[in-house]
N, C-alpha and C. Protein backbone atom coordinates (compact mmCIF):
# COMPACT_ATOMS: atom_id res chain seq x y z
N MET A 1 -7.07 63.69 26.86
CA MET A 1 -6.54 62.69 25.97
C MET A 1 -7.50 61.50 25.91
N SER A 2 -7.69 61.01 24.73
CA SER A 2 -8.61 59.88 24.56
C SER A 2 -7.84 58.56 24.62
N LYS A 3 -8.51 57.58 25.14
CA LYS A 3 -7.91 56.26 25.23
C LYS A 3 -8.24 55.47 23.97
N LYS A 4 -7.30 54.68 23.53
CA LYS A 4 -7.54 53.83 22.37
C LYS A 4 -8.33 52.61 22.79
N LYS A 5 -9.23 52.22 21.93
CA LYS A 5 -10.01 51.02 22.21
C LYS A 5 -9.14 49.79 21.96
N LYS A 6 -9.27 48.84 22.83
CA LYS A 6 -8.53 47.60 22.69
C LYS A 6 -9.28 46.71 21.69
N ARG A 7 -8.58 46.24 20.72
CA ARG A 7 -9.20 45.38 19.71
C ARG A 7 -9.37 43.98 20.27
N THR A 8 -10.52 43.43 20.02
CA THR A 8 -10.77 42.06 20.45
C THR A 8 -10.53 41.12 19.28
N HIS A 9 -10.00 39.99 19.59
CA HIS A 9 -9.69 39.00 18.57
C HIS A 9 -10.72 37.88 18.63
N TYR A 10 -11.43 37.70 17.56
CA TYR A 10 -12.44 36.65 17.50
C TYR A 10 -11.84 35.41 16.88
N VAL A 11 -12.03 34.30 17.53
CA VAL A 11 -11.51 33.03 17.02
C VAL A 11 -12.58 32.39 16.15
N ARG A 12 -12.17 32.06 14.96
CA ARG A 12 -13.10 31.44 14.02
C ARG A 12 -13.21 29.95 14.33
N GLU A 13 -14.43 29.46 14.40
CA GLU A 13 -14.63 28.05 14.68
C GLU A 13 -14.27 27.22 13.47
N LYS A 14 -13.63 26.09 13.72
CA LYS A 14 -13.26 25.21 12.62
C LYS A 14 -14.46 24.39 12.19
N LEU A 15 -14.65 24.32 10.91
CA LEU A 15 -15.73 23.50 10.37
C LEU A 15 -15.27 22.05 10.31
N PRO A 16 -16.18 21.12 10.38
CA PRO A 16 -15.76 19.73 10.28
C PRO A 16 -15.16 19.46 8.89
N THR A 17 -14.04 18.77 8.87
CA THR A 17 -13.37 18.51 7.60
C THR A 17 -14.00 17.31 6.91
N ARG A 18 -14.11 17.41 5.61
CA ARG A 18 -14.63 16.28 4.87
C ARG A 18 -13.45 15.52 4.28
N PRO A 19 -13.60 14.25 4.10
CA PRO A 19 -12.49 13.45 3.57
C PRO A 19 -12.26 13.73 2.09
N CYS A 20 -11.03 13.58 1.68
CA CYS A 20 -10.66 13.79 0.28
C CYS A 20 -11.28 12.70 -0.58
N PRO A 21 -11.99 13.06 -1.66
CA PRO A 21 -12.65 12.03 -2.49
C PRO A 21 -11.67 11.08 -3.17
N ILE A 22 -10.45 11.53 -3.41
CA ILE A 22 -9.46 10.66 -4.07
C ILE A 22 -8.96 9.59 -3.11
N THR A 23 -8.67 9.99 -1.87
CA THR A 23 -8.18 9.01 -0.91
C THR A 23 -9.30 8.07 -0.46
N VAL A 24 -10.54 8.55 -0.40
CA VAL A 24 -11.67 7.70 -0.03
C VAL A 24 -11.89 6.63 -1.10
N ALA A 25 -11.73 7.01 -2.36
CA ALA A 25 -11.92 6.06 -3.45
C ALA A 25 -10.77 5.06 -3.56
N GLY A 26 -9.67 5.31 -2.85
CA GLY A 26 -8.53 4.39 -2.87
C GLY A 26 -7.62 4.58 -4.07
N ILE A 27 -7.71 5.72 -4.72
CA ILE A 27 -6.86 6.00 -5.88
C ILE A 27 -5.50 6.44 -5.37
N GLU A 28 -4.46 5.69 -5.71
CA GLU A 28 -3.11 6.00 -5.23
C GLU A 28 -2.36 6.90 -6.21
N GLU A 29 -2.57 6.66 -7.50
CA GLU A 29 -1.82 7.40 -8.50
C GLU A 29 -2.79 8.10 -9.45
N ILE A 30 -2.53 9.37 -9.68
CA ILE A 30 -3.37 10.15 -10.61
C ILE A 30 -2.60 10.27 -11.91
N ASP A 31 -3.15 9.67 -12.95
CA ASP A 31 -2.47 9.66 -14.24
C ASP A 31 -3.15 10.61 -15.20
N TYR A 32 -2.38 11.26 -16.04
CA TYR A 32 -2.95 12.23 -16.99
C TYR A 32 -3.78 11.55 -18.06
N LYS A 33 -3.60 10.25 -18.25
CA LYS A 33 -4.35 9.52 -19.26
C LYS A 33 -5.74 9.10 -18.78
N ASP A 34 -6.00 9.23 -17.48
CA ASP A 34 -7.30 8.90 -16.91
C ASP A 34 -8.22 10.12 -17.04
N VAL A 35 -8.75 10.32 -18.23
CA VAL A 35 -9.50 11.52 -18.55
C VAL A 35 -10.83 11.58 -17.80
N GLU A 36 -11.46 10.45 -17.58
CA GLU A 36 -12.76 10.44 -16.88
C GLU A 36 -12.62 10.93 -15.45
N LEU A 37 -11.54 10.57 -14.78
CA LEU A 37 -11.29 11.06 -13.42
C LEU A 37 -11.00 12.56 -13.43
N LEU A 38 -10.23 13.00 -14.39
CA LEU A 38 -9.84 14.42 -14.44
C LEU A 38 -11.03 15.32 -14.79
N ARG A 39 -11.98 14.82 -15.55
CA ARG A 39 -13.15 15.63 -15.92
C ARG A 39 -14.04 15.94 -14.72
N MET A 40 -13.90 15.17 -13.64
CA MET A 40 -14.66 15.44 -12.43
C MET A 40 -14.20 16.75 -11.78
N PHE A 41 -12.97 17.16 -12.07
CA PHE A 41 -12.39 18.34 -11.44
C PHE A 41 -12.22 19.50 -12.41
N ILE A 42 -13.00 19.49 -13.48
CA ILE A 42 -12.97 20.57 -14.48
C ILE A 42 -14.40 21.05 -14.69
N THR A 43 -14.58 22.38 -14.82
CA THR A 43 -15.90 22.93 -15.11
C THR A 43 -16.23 22.72 -16.58
N GLU A 44 -17.44 23.11 -16.97
CA GLU A 44 -17.86 22.99 -18.37
C GLU A 44 -17.02 23.87 -19.28
N LYS A 45 -16.56 24.98 -18.75
CA LYS A 45 -15.73 25.90 -19.55
C LYS A 45 -14.27 25.47 -19.61
N GLY A 46 -13.91 24.45 -18.85
CA GLY A 46 -12.54 23.94 -18.88
C GLY A 46 -11.65 24.45 -17.77
N LYS A 47 -12.22 25.14 -16.79
CA LYS A 47 -11.42 25.64 -15.67
C LYS A 47 -11.26 24.55 -14.62
N ILE A 48 -10.14 24.59 -13.91
CA ILE A 48 -9.89 23.63 -12.84
C ILE A 48 -10.66 24.07 -11.60
N ILE A 49 -11.40 23.15 -11.00
CA ILE A 49 -12.20 23.46 -9.83
C ILE A 49 -11.28 23.66 -8.63
N PRO A 50 -11.48 24.73 -7.84
CA PRO A 50 -10.59 24.98 -6.71
C PRO A 50 -10.78 23.97 -5.58
N ARG A 51 -9.80 23.92 -4.72
CA ARG A 51 -9.75 22.97 -3.62
C ARG A 51 -10.91 23.11 -2.65
N ARG A 52 -11.31 24.32 -2.37
CA ARG A 52 -12.38 24.54 -1.38
C ARG A 52 -13.72 24.02 -1.87
N ILE A 53 -13.88 23.90 -3.19
CA ILE A 53 -15.13 23.39 -3.75
C ILE A 53 -15.04 21.88 -3.99
N SER A 54 -13.91 21.42 -4.52
CA SER A 54 -13.78 20.00 -4.85
C SER A 54 -13.59 19.13 -3.62
N GLY A 55 -13.06 19.69 -2.52
CA GLY A 55 -12.87 18.92 -1.30
C GLY A 55 -11.59 18.11 -1.27
N LEU A 56 -10.69 18.36 -2.21
CA LEU A 56 -9.43 17.64 -2.23
C LEU A 56 -8.48 18.20 -1.17
N ASN A 57 -7.55 17.35 -0.72
CA ASN A 57 -6.51 17.89 0.14
C ASN A 57 -5.42 18.50 -0.74
N ALA A 58 -4.46 19.17 -0.14
CA ALA A 58 -3.48 19.94 -0.91
C ALA A 58 -2.65 19.06 -1.84
N ARG A 59 -2.23 17.91 -1.34
CA ARG A 59 -1.39 17.02 -2.15
C ARG A 59 -2.15 16.49 -3.36
N SER A 60 -3.40 16.09 -3.15
CA SER A 60 -4.21 15.57 -4.26
C SER A 60 -4.53 16.66 -5.27
N GLN A 61 -4.79 17.89 -4.77
CA GLN A 61 -5.10 18.99 -5.68
C GLN A 61 -3.91 19.29 -6.59
N LYS A 62 -2.71 19.26 -6.04
CA LYS A 62 -1.51 19.51 -6.86
C LYS A 62 -1.34 18.42 -7.90
N LYS A 63 -1.58 17.17 -7.52
CA LYS A 63 -1.45 16.06 -8.47
C LYS A 63 -2.50 16.16 -9.58
N VAL A 64 -3.73 16.50 -9.20
CA VAL A 64 -4.81 16.63 -10.18
C VAL A 64 -4.52 17.78 -11.13
N THR A 65 -4.06 18.91 -10.60
CA THR A 65 -3.75 20.07 -11.44
C THR A 65 -2.64 19.75 -12.43
N ARG A 66 -1.61 19.08 -11.95
CA ARG A 66 -0.50 18.71 -12.84
C ARG A 66 -0.97 17.75 -13.92
N ALA A 67 -1.81 16.78 -13.54
CA ALA A 67 -2.31 15.80 -14.51
C ALA A 67 -3.23 16.46 -15.54
N ILE A 68 -4.05 17.42 -15.12
CA ILE A 68 -4.92 18.14 -16.06
C ILE A 68 -4.09 18.93 -17.06
N LYS A 69 -3.05 19.59 -16.59
CA LYS A 69 -2.20 20.36 -17.49
C LYS A 69 -1.46 19.45 -18.47
N GLN A 70 -1.01 18.28 -18.01
CA GLN A 70 -0.36 17.33 -18.91
C GLN A 70 -1.35 16.81 -19.95
N ALA A 71 -2.58 16.53 -19.51
CA ALA A 71 -3.59 16.02 -20.44
C ALA A 71 -3.97 17.07 -21.48
N ARG A 72 -3.97 18.34 -21.07
CA ARG A 72 -4.24 19.41 -22.04
C ARG A 72 -3.14 19.48 -23.09
N ASN A 73 -1.89 19.38 -22.65
CA ASN A 73 -0.77 19.44 -23.59
C ASN A 73 -0.73 18.23 -24.51
N ALA A 74 -1.23 17.10 -24.03
CA ALA A 74 -1.28 15.89 -24.86
C ALA A 74 -2.55 15.83 -25.70
N ALA A 75 -3.36 16.87 -25.65
CA ALA A 75 -4.60 17.00 -26.42
C ALA A 75 -5.65 15.97 -26.01
N LEU A 76 -5.61 15.54 -24.75
CA LEU A 76 -6.65 14.65 -24.25
C LEU A 76 -7.80 15.45 -23.65
N LEU A 77 -7.51 16.66 -23.17
CA LEU A 77 -8.53 17.57 -22.67
C LEU A 77 -8.41 18.89 -23.42
N SER A 78 -9.52 19.60 -23.48
CA SER A 78 -9.49 20.90 -24.17
C SER A 78 -9.07 21.99 -23.18
N PHE A 79 -8.59 23.07 -23.74
CA PHE A 79 -8.12 24.19 -22.91
C PHE A 79 -9.28 24.99 -22.44
């Protein structure tokens, strides 16, 4: 009878976290009418930049995404 190999669990090292650009800038409220701020988080094709690339924290990413979608519906940003 053969013995099963015991699986080893590798712990992934945590990378140093970078601060959220929105909180560093001191922006408390993200408004859909602030198109210049929202364009920082949109690609040239109009896609929303993901959190891992933009460096936003989860709360700020949700607020930015909601504001971008509102701005699109209000015709301030293109789809």
